[in-house]
Amino acid sequence: MALYSEKVMDHFRNPRNVGVIEDADAVGEVGNAKCGDIMKMYLKIENDIITDVKFETFGCASAIASSSMATELIKGKPVAEARELTNKAVAEALDGLPDYKMHCSVLAEEAINAALDDYFSRKNP
């Protein structure tokens, strides 16, 4: 059996939504000191809908694939729905991750939540 699913490899080789949103309504950055992965998520939000999302990730194939898939799962969704996205949903959408790489999907969930925290703090200072 291959270490990574075809979906993981596709999102690693052809990541979706890579980049920066210069005028982002929200930015969230998280990292894992143990493995060295760092994720940064940028959100553009209009009427509580995520109209655009971009990411920058420094990390392994699982980290990049998790970031890419997470952006795909929240783009076009209400912020309340994005807040409910779990790392397990990200991993399932990738057709699974090895147990020792599940922390990458956790980072994706945390990056989205950090960005949403930033959004709400800007919205209600």
N, C-alpha and C. Protein backbone atom coordinates (compact mmCIF):
# COMPACT_ATOMS: atom_id res chain seq x y z
N MET A 1 0.84 -1.19 0.00
CA MET A 1 0.00 0.00 0.00
C MET A 1 0.88 1.25 0.00
N ALA A 2 0.48 2.24 -0.77
CA ALA A 2 1.23 3.49 -0.85
C ALA A 2 1.10 4.26 0.46
N LEU A 3 2.13 5.02 0.77
CA LEU A 3 2.13 5.83 1.98
C LEU A 3 1.03 6.89 1.93
N TYR A 4 0.86 7.51 0.77
CA TYR A 4 -0.14 8.57 0.61
C TYR A 4 -1.15 8.20 -0.45
N SER A 5 -2.40 8.66 -0.26
CA SER A 5 -3.45 8.44 -1.24
C SER A 5 -3.18 9.27 -2.49
N GLU A 6 -3.88 8.93 -3.56
CA GLU A 6 -3.75 9.71 -4.79
C GLU A 6 -4.18 11.16 -4.58
N LYS A 7 -5.21 11.36 -3.74
CA LYS A 7 -5.67 12.73 -3.46
C LYS A 7 -4.62 13.54 -2.73
N VAL A 8 -3.95 12.93 -1.76
CA VAL A 8 -2.88 13.63 -1.06
C VAL A 8 -1.80 14.04 -2.06
N MET A 9 -1.40 13.11 -2.89
CA MET A 9 -0.34 13.41 -3.87
C MET A 9 -0.79 14.48 -4.86
N ASP A 10 -2.06 14.45 -5.27
CA ASP A 10 -2.56 15.46 -6.20
C ASP A 10 -2.54 16.85 -5.56
N HIS A 11 -3.01 16.94 -4.32
CA HIS A 11 -3.03 18.25 -3.64
C HIS A 11 -1.62 18.71 -3.27
N PHE A 12 -0.69 17.78 -3.11
CA PHE A 12 0.70 18.15 -2.87
C PHE A 12 1.35 18.65 -4.15
N ARG A 13 1.16 17.92 -5.23
CA ARG A 13 1.79 18.29 -6.51
C ARG A 13 1.11 19.48 -7.19
N ASN A 14 -0.19 19.60 -6.98
CA ASN A 14 -0.98 20.66 -7.61
C ASN A 14 -1.85 21.36 -6.57
N PRO A 15 -1.23 22.01 -5.61
CA PRO A 15 -2.02 22.63 -4.54
C PRO A 15 -2.94 23.72 -5.08
N ARG A 16 -4.13 23.75 -4.51
CA ARG A 16 -5.13 24.76 -4.87
C ARG A 16 -5.02 25.94 -3.92
N ASN A 17 -5.28 27.12 -4.45
CA ASN A 17 -5.41 28.34 -3.62
C ASN A 17 -4.12 28.74 -2.91
N VAL A 18 -2.98 28.52 -3.54
CA VAL A 18 -1.70 28.93 -2.95
C VAL A 18 -1.51 30.42 -3.18
N GLY A 19 -1.00 31.10 -2.18
CA GLY A 19 -0.67 32.51 -2.34
C GLY A 19 -1.10 33.36 -1.18
N VAL A 20 -1.14 34.65 -1.45
CA VAL A 20 -1.44 35.66 -0.43
C VAL A 20 -2.61 36.50 -0.93
N ILE A 21 -3.49 36.87 -0.04
CA ILE A 21 -4.52 37.86 -0.33
C ILE A 21 -4.07 39.14 0.36
N GLU A 22 -3.61 40.10 -0.43
CA GLU A 22 -3.03 41.33 0.12
C GLU A 22 -4.00 42.11 1.01
N ASP A 23 -5.27 42.16 0.62
CA ASP A 23 -6.26 42.91 1.38
C ASP A 23 -7.20 41.96 2.14
N ALA A 24 -6.63 40.91 2.69
CA ALA A 24 -7.42 39.89 3.39
C ALA A 24 -8.21 40.49 4.55
N ASP A 25 -9.39 39.92 4.75
CA ASP A 25 -10.21 40.31 5.89
C ASP A 25 -9.78 39.56 7.14
N ALA A 26 -9.00 38.51 6.95
CA ALA A 26 -8.56 37.70 8.08
C ALA A 26 -7.29 36.94 7.71
N VAL A 27 -6.40 36.81 8.68
CA VAL A 27 -5.16 36.06 8.50
C VAL A 27 -4.93 35.23 9.76
N GLY A 28 -4.61 33.96 9.55
CA GLY A 28 -4.29 33.08 10.68
C GLY A 28 -3.02 32.33 10.39
N GLU A 29 -2.13 32.30 11.35
CA GLU A 29 -0.87 31.57 11.20
C GLU A 29 -0.67 30.66 12.39
N VAL A 30 -0.34 29.40 12.10
CA VAL A 30 -0.08 28.42 13.15
C VAL A 30 1.15 27.61 12.76
N GLY A 31 1.73 26.99 13.76
CA GLY A 31 2.89 26.15 13.50
C GLY A 31 2.98 25.02 14.49
N ASN A 32 3.77 24.03 14.13
CA ASN A 32 4.01 22.89 14.98
C ASN A 32 5.52 22.82 15.22
N ALA A 33 5.94 23.18 16.41
CA ALA A 33 7.36 23.22 16.73
C ALA A 33 8.03 21.86 16.60
N LYS A 34 7.27 20.81 16.86
CA LYS A 34 7.83 19.46 16.83
C LYS A 34 8.28 19.06 15.42
N CYS A 35 7.45 19.37 14.41
CA CYS A 35 7.79 18.95 13.04
C CYS A 35 8.28 20.11 12.18
N GLY A 36 8.06 21.33 12.61
CA GLY A 36 8.54 22.49 11.86
C GLY A 36 7.57 23.02 10.82
N ASP A 37 6.38 22.43 10.70
CA ASP A 37 5.40 22.90 9.72
C ASP A 37 4.82 24.24 10.15
N ILE A 38 4.61 25.12 9.18
CA ILE A 38 3.98 26.42 9.42
C ILE A 38 2.93 26.65 8.35
N MET A 39 1.73 27.05 8.77
CA MET A 39 0.64 27.34 7.84
C MET A 39 0.12 28.75 8.09
N LYS A 40 -0.16 29.43 6.99
CA LYS A 40 -0.76 30.75 7.07
C LYS A 40 -1.96 30.76 6.11
N MET A 41 -3.12 31.14 6.63
CA MET A 41 -4.36 31.20 5.85
C MET A 41 -4.82 32.64 5.73
N TYR A 42 -5.26 33.00 4.55
CA TYR A 42 -5.80 34.33 4.26
C TYR A 42 -7.24 34.15 3.80
N LEU A 43 -8.15 34.94 4.37
CA LEU A 43 -9.56 34.84 4.00
C LEU A 43 -10.08 36.19 3.52
N LYS A 44 -10.89 36.14 2.48
CA LYS A 44 -11.67 37.28 2.01
C LYS A 44 -13.12 36.92 2.30
N ILE A 45 -13.81 37.76 3.05
CA ILE A 45 -15.16 37.44 3.52
C ILE A 45 -16.11 38.58 3.16
N GLU A 46 -17.23 38.22 2.54
CA GLU A 46 -18.28 39.19 2.22
C GLU A 46 -19.62 38.62 2.69
N ASN A 47 -20.34 39.41 3.49
CA ASN A 47 -21.63 38.98 4.03
C ASN A 47 -21.54 37.63 4.73
N ASP A 48 -20.46 37.45 5.49
CA ASP A 48 -20.20 36.23 6.26
C ASP A 48 -20.02 34.98 5.39
N ILE A 49 -19.65 35.17 4.12
CA ILE A 49 -19.33 34.07 3.22
C ILE A 49 -17.86 34.20 2.84
N ILE A 50 -17.13 33.10 2.89
CA ILE A 50 -15.71 33.10 2.49
C ILE A 50 -15.67 33.09 0.97
N THR A 51 -15.38 34.25 0.40
CA THR A 51 -15.38 34.38 -1.06
C THR A 51 -14.05 34.00 -1.68
N ASP A 52 -12.98 34.09 -0.90
CA ASP A 52 -11.67 33.69 -1.39
C ASP A 52 -10.83 33.23 -0.21
N VAL A 53 -9.94 32.31 -0.47
CA VAL A 53 -9.04 31.80 0.56
C VAL A 53 -7.74 31.40 -0.12
N LYS A 54 -6.64 31.77 0.50
CA LYS A 54 -5.31 31.41 0.01
C LYS A 54 -4.49 30.93 1.20
N PHE A 55 -3.42 30.18 0.89
CA PHE A 55 -2.56 29.71 1.96
C PHE A 55 -1.10 29.73 1.54
N GLU A 56 -0.26 29.81 2.54
CA GLU A 56 1.18 29.60 2.40
C GLU A 56 1.55 28.56 3.45
N THR A 57 2.21 27.49 3.03
CA THR A 57 2.60 26.45 3.97
C THR A 57 4.05 26.06 3.74
N PHE A 58 4.77 26.02 4.83
CA PHE A 58 6.13 25.47 4.84
C PHE A 58 6.01 24.14 5.55
N GLY A 59 6.21 23.06 4.81
CA GLY A 59 6.08 21.76 5.45
C GLY A 59 6.14 20.61 4.47
N CYS A 60 5.76 19.47 4.96
CA CYS A 60 5.83 18.23 4.19
C CYS A 60 4.63 18.10 3.25
N ALA A 61 4.61 17.00 2.50
CA ALA A 61 3.52 16.74 1.56
C ALA A 61 2.17 16.74 2.25
N SER A 62 2.07 16.14 3.43
CA SER A 62 0.80 16.09 4.16
C SER A 62 0.34 17.48 4.59
N ALA A 63 1.27 18.33 4.98
CA ALA A 63 0.93 19.68 5.40
C ALA A 63 0.41 20.50 4.22
N ILE A 64 1.08 20.40 3.10
CA ILE A 64 0.66 21.14 1.90
C ILE A 64 -0.69 20.62 1.41
N ALA A 65 -0.84 19.30 1.34
CA ALA A 65 -2.10 18.71 0.89
C ALA A 65 -3.24 19.07 1.84
N SER A 66 -2.99 19.05 3.14
CA SER A 66 -4.03 19.41 4.12
C SER A 66 -4.44 20.86 3.96
N SER A 67 -3.48 21.75 3.76
CA SER A 67 -3.79 23.16 3.54
C SER A 67 -4.65 23.34 2.29
N SER A 68 -4.22 22.71 1.21
CA SER A 68 -4.92 22.82 -0.06
C SER A 68 -6.35 22.31 0.06
N MET A 69 -6.52 21.14 0.63
CA MET A 69 -7.86 20.56 0.76
C MET A 69 -8.74 21.41 1.67
N ALA A 70 -8.17 21.89 2.76
CA ALA A 70 -8.95 22.72 3.69
C ALA A 70 -9.48 23.97 2.99
N THR A 71 -8.66 24.59 2.14
CA THR A 71 -9.13 25.79 1.43
C THR A 71 -10.29 25.44 0.50
N GLU A 72 -10.19 24.29 -0.14
CA GLU A 72 -11.25 23.85 -1.04
C GLU A 72 -12.56 23.59 -0.27
N LEU A 73 -12.43 23.07 0.94
CA LEU A 73 -13.60 22.73 1.74
C LEU A 73 -14.32 23.95 2.31
N ILE A 74 -13.63 25.08 2.47
CA ILE A 74 -14.28 26.26 3.06
C ILE A 74 -14.61 27.35 2.06
N LYS A 75 -14.03 27.32 0.90
CA LYS A 75 -14.27 28.37 -0.10
C LYS A 75 -15.74 28.38 -0.50
N GLY A 76 -16.35 29.56 -0.42
CA GLY A 76 -17.76 29.70 -0.76
C GLY A 76 -18.72 29.36 0.36
N LYS A 77 -18.18 29.00 1.51
CA LYS A 77 -19.02 28.58 2.65
C LYS A 77 -19.20 29.74 3.64
N PRO A 78 -20.29 29.69 4.41
CA PRO A 78 -20.46 30.66 5.49
C PRO A 78 -19.38 30.46 6.56
N VAL A 79 -19.02 31.55 7.22
CA VAL A 79 -17.97 31.46 8.24
C VAL A 79 -18.36 30.47 9.34
N ALA A 80 -19.63 30.39 9.68
CA ALA A 80 -20.07 29.46 10.72
C ALA A 80 -19.80 28.01 10.31
N GLU A 81 -19.99 27.71 9.04
CA GLU A 81 -19.72 26.36 8.55
C GLU A 81 -18.21 26.08 8.51
N ALA A 82 -17.44 27.08 8.13
CA ALA A 82 -15.98 26.92 8.11
C ALA A 82 -15.45 26.67 9.52
N ARG A 83 -16.06 27.31 10.50
CA ARG A 83 -15.64 27.14 11.89
C ARG A 83 -15.83 25.70 12.35
N GLU A 84 -16.76 24.99 11.75
CA GLU A 84 -17.05 23.61 12.14
C GLU A 84 -16.16 22.58 11.45
N LEU A 85 -15.35 23.00 10.49
CA LEU A 85 -14.49 22.05 9.78
C LEU A 85 -13.49 21.42 10.75
N THR A 86 -13.42 20.11 10.74
CA THR A 86 -12.52 19.40 11.64
C THR A 86 -11.33 18.83 10.87
N ASN A 87 -10.29 18.53 11.61
CA ASN A 87 -9.13 17.90 10.99
C ASN A 87 -9.50 16.54 10.41
N LYS A 88 -10.42 15.85 11.05
CA LYS A 88 -10.85 14.53 10.53
C LYS A 88 -11.53 14.68 9.18
N ALA A 89 -12.33 15.74 9.01
CA ALA A 89 -12.99 15.98 7.72
C ALA A 89 -11.95 16.27 6.64
N VAL A 90 -10.91 17.02 6.99
CA VAL A 90 -9.83 17.30 6.03
C VAL A 90 -9.14 16.00 5.63
N ALA A 91 -8.78 15.19 6.63
CA ALA A 91 -8.10 13.92 6.35
C ALA A 91 -8.99 12.99 5.52
N GLU A 92 -10.27 12.93 5.85
CA GLU A 92 -11.19 12.08 5.09
C GLU A 92 -11.31 12.54 3.64
N ALA A 93 -11.35 13.86 3.44
CA ALA A 93 -11.45 14.40 2.09
C ALA A 93 -10.20 14.06 1.26
N LEU A 94 -9.09 13.84 1.95
CA LEU A 94 -7.84 13.44 1.28
C LEU A 94 -7.73 11.92 1.16
N ASP A 95 -8.78 11.20 1.49
CA ASP A 95 -8.78 9.73 1.51
C ASP A 95 -7.77 9.18 2.51
N GLY A 96 -7.62 9.92 3.61
CA GLY A 96 -6.80 9.46 4.73
C GLY A 96 -5.38 9.98 4.73
N LEU A 97 -4.83 10.03 5.93
CA LEU A 97 -3.42 10.37 6.15
C LEU A 97 -2.85 9.32 7.09
N PRO A 98 -1.56 9.04 6.98
CA PRO A 98 -0.95 8.12 7.95
C PRO A 98 -1.13 8.69 9.36
N ASP A 99 -1.28 7.83 10.35
CA ASP A 99 -1.50 8.29 11.72
C ASP A 99 -0.47 9.32 12.17
N TYR A 100 0.78 9.09 11.82
CA TYR A 100 1.83 10.00 12.29
C TYR A 100 1.86 11.32 11.50
N LYS A 101 0.95 11.48 10.54
CA LYS A 101 0.83 12.73 9.79
C LYS A 101 -0.49 13.44 10.05
N MET A 102 -1.30 12.90 10.95
CA MET A 102 -2.59 13.53 11.25
C MET A 102 -2.43 14.94 11.82
N HIS A 103 -1.29 15.22 12.45
CA HIS A 103 -1.07 16.57 12.98
C HIS A 103 -1.11 17.63 11.88
N CYS A 104 -0.86 17.23 10.64
CA CYS A 104 -0.93 18.18 9.52
C CYS A 104 -2.37 18.64 9.28
N SER A 105 -3.30 17.71 9.39
CA SER A 105 -4.71 18.10 9.23
C SER A 105 -5.17 18.94 10.42
N VAL A 106 -4.60 18.69 11.59
CA VAL A 106 -4.90 19.50 12.77
C VAL A 106 -4.43 20.94 12.53
N LEU A 107 -3.25 21.10 11.94
CA LEU A 107 -2.75 22.45 11.63
C LEU A 107 -3.69 23.18 10.69
N ALA A 108 -4.23 22.48 9.69
CA ALA A 108 -5.16 23.12 8.76
C ALA A 108 -6.40 23.62 9.49
N GLU A 109 -6.95 22.79 10.37
CA GLU A 109 -8.11 23.21 11.17
C GLU A 109 -7.74 24.41 12.03
N GLU A 110 -6.59 24.36 12.67
CA GLU A 110 -6.15 25.45 13.55
C GLU A 110 -5.90 26.74 12.78
N ALA A 111 -5.36 26.64 11.57
CA ALA A 111 -5.09 27.83 10.76
C ALA A 111 -6.39 28.52 10.37
N ILE A 112 -7.39 27.74 9.99
CA ILE A 112 -8.70 28.30 9.65
C ILE A 112 -9.29 28.98 10.87
N ASN A 113 -9.25 28.32 12.02
CA ASN A 113 -9.81 28.91 13.24
C ASN A 113 -9.05 30.16 13.67
N ALA A 114 -7.73 30.17 13.48
CA ALA A 114 -6.94 31.37 13.81
C ALA A 114 -7.35 32.53 12.90
N ALA A 115 -7.57 32.23 11.62
CA ALA A 115 -8.00 33.28 10.69
C ALA A 115 -9.39 33.78 11.06
N LEU A 116 -10.28 32.87 11.41
CA LEU A 116 -11.63 33.29 11.80
C LEU A 116 -11.62 34.08 13.11
N ASP A 117 -10.75 33.70 14.04
CA ASP A 117 -10.60 34.49 15.27
C ASP A 117 -10.16 35.91 14.92
N ASP A 118 -9.21 36.02 13.98
CA ASP A 118 -8.73 37.32 13.53
C ASP A 118 -9.88 38.12 12.89
N TYR A 119 -10.67 37.46 12.08
CA TYR A 119 -11.80 38.11 11.42
C TYR A 119 -12.77 38.69 12.46
N PHE A 120 -13.14 37.87 13.44
CA PHE A 120 -14.09 38.33 14.43
C PHE A 120 -13.51 39.42 15.33
N SER A 121 -12.21 39.37 15.60
CA SER A 121 -11.60 40.43 16.41
C SER A 121 -11.54 41.74 15.64
N ARG A 122 -11.39 41.68 14.33
CA ARG A 122 -11.40 42.90 13.51
C ARG A 122 -12.82 43.43 13.37
N LYS A 123 -13.77 42.53 13.26
CA LYS A 123 -15.18 42.89 13.08
C LYS A 123 -15.76 43.50 14.35
N ASN A 124 -15.36 42.97 15.49
CA ASN A 124 -15.86 43.44 16.79
C ASN A 124 -14.67 43.78 17.71
N PRO A 125 -14.01 44.91 17.42
CA PRO A 125 -12.81 45.23 18.23
C PRO A 125 -13.14 45.54 19.68
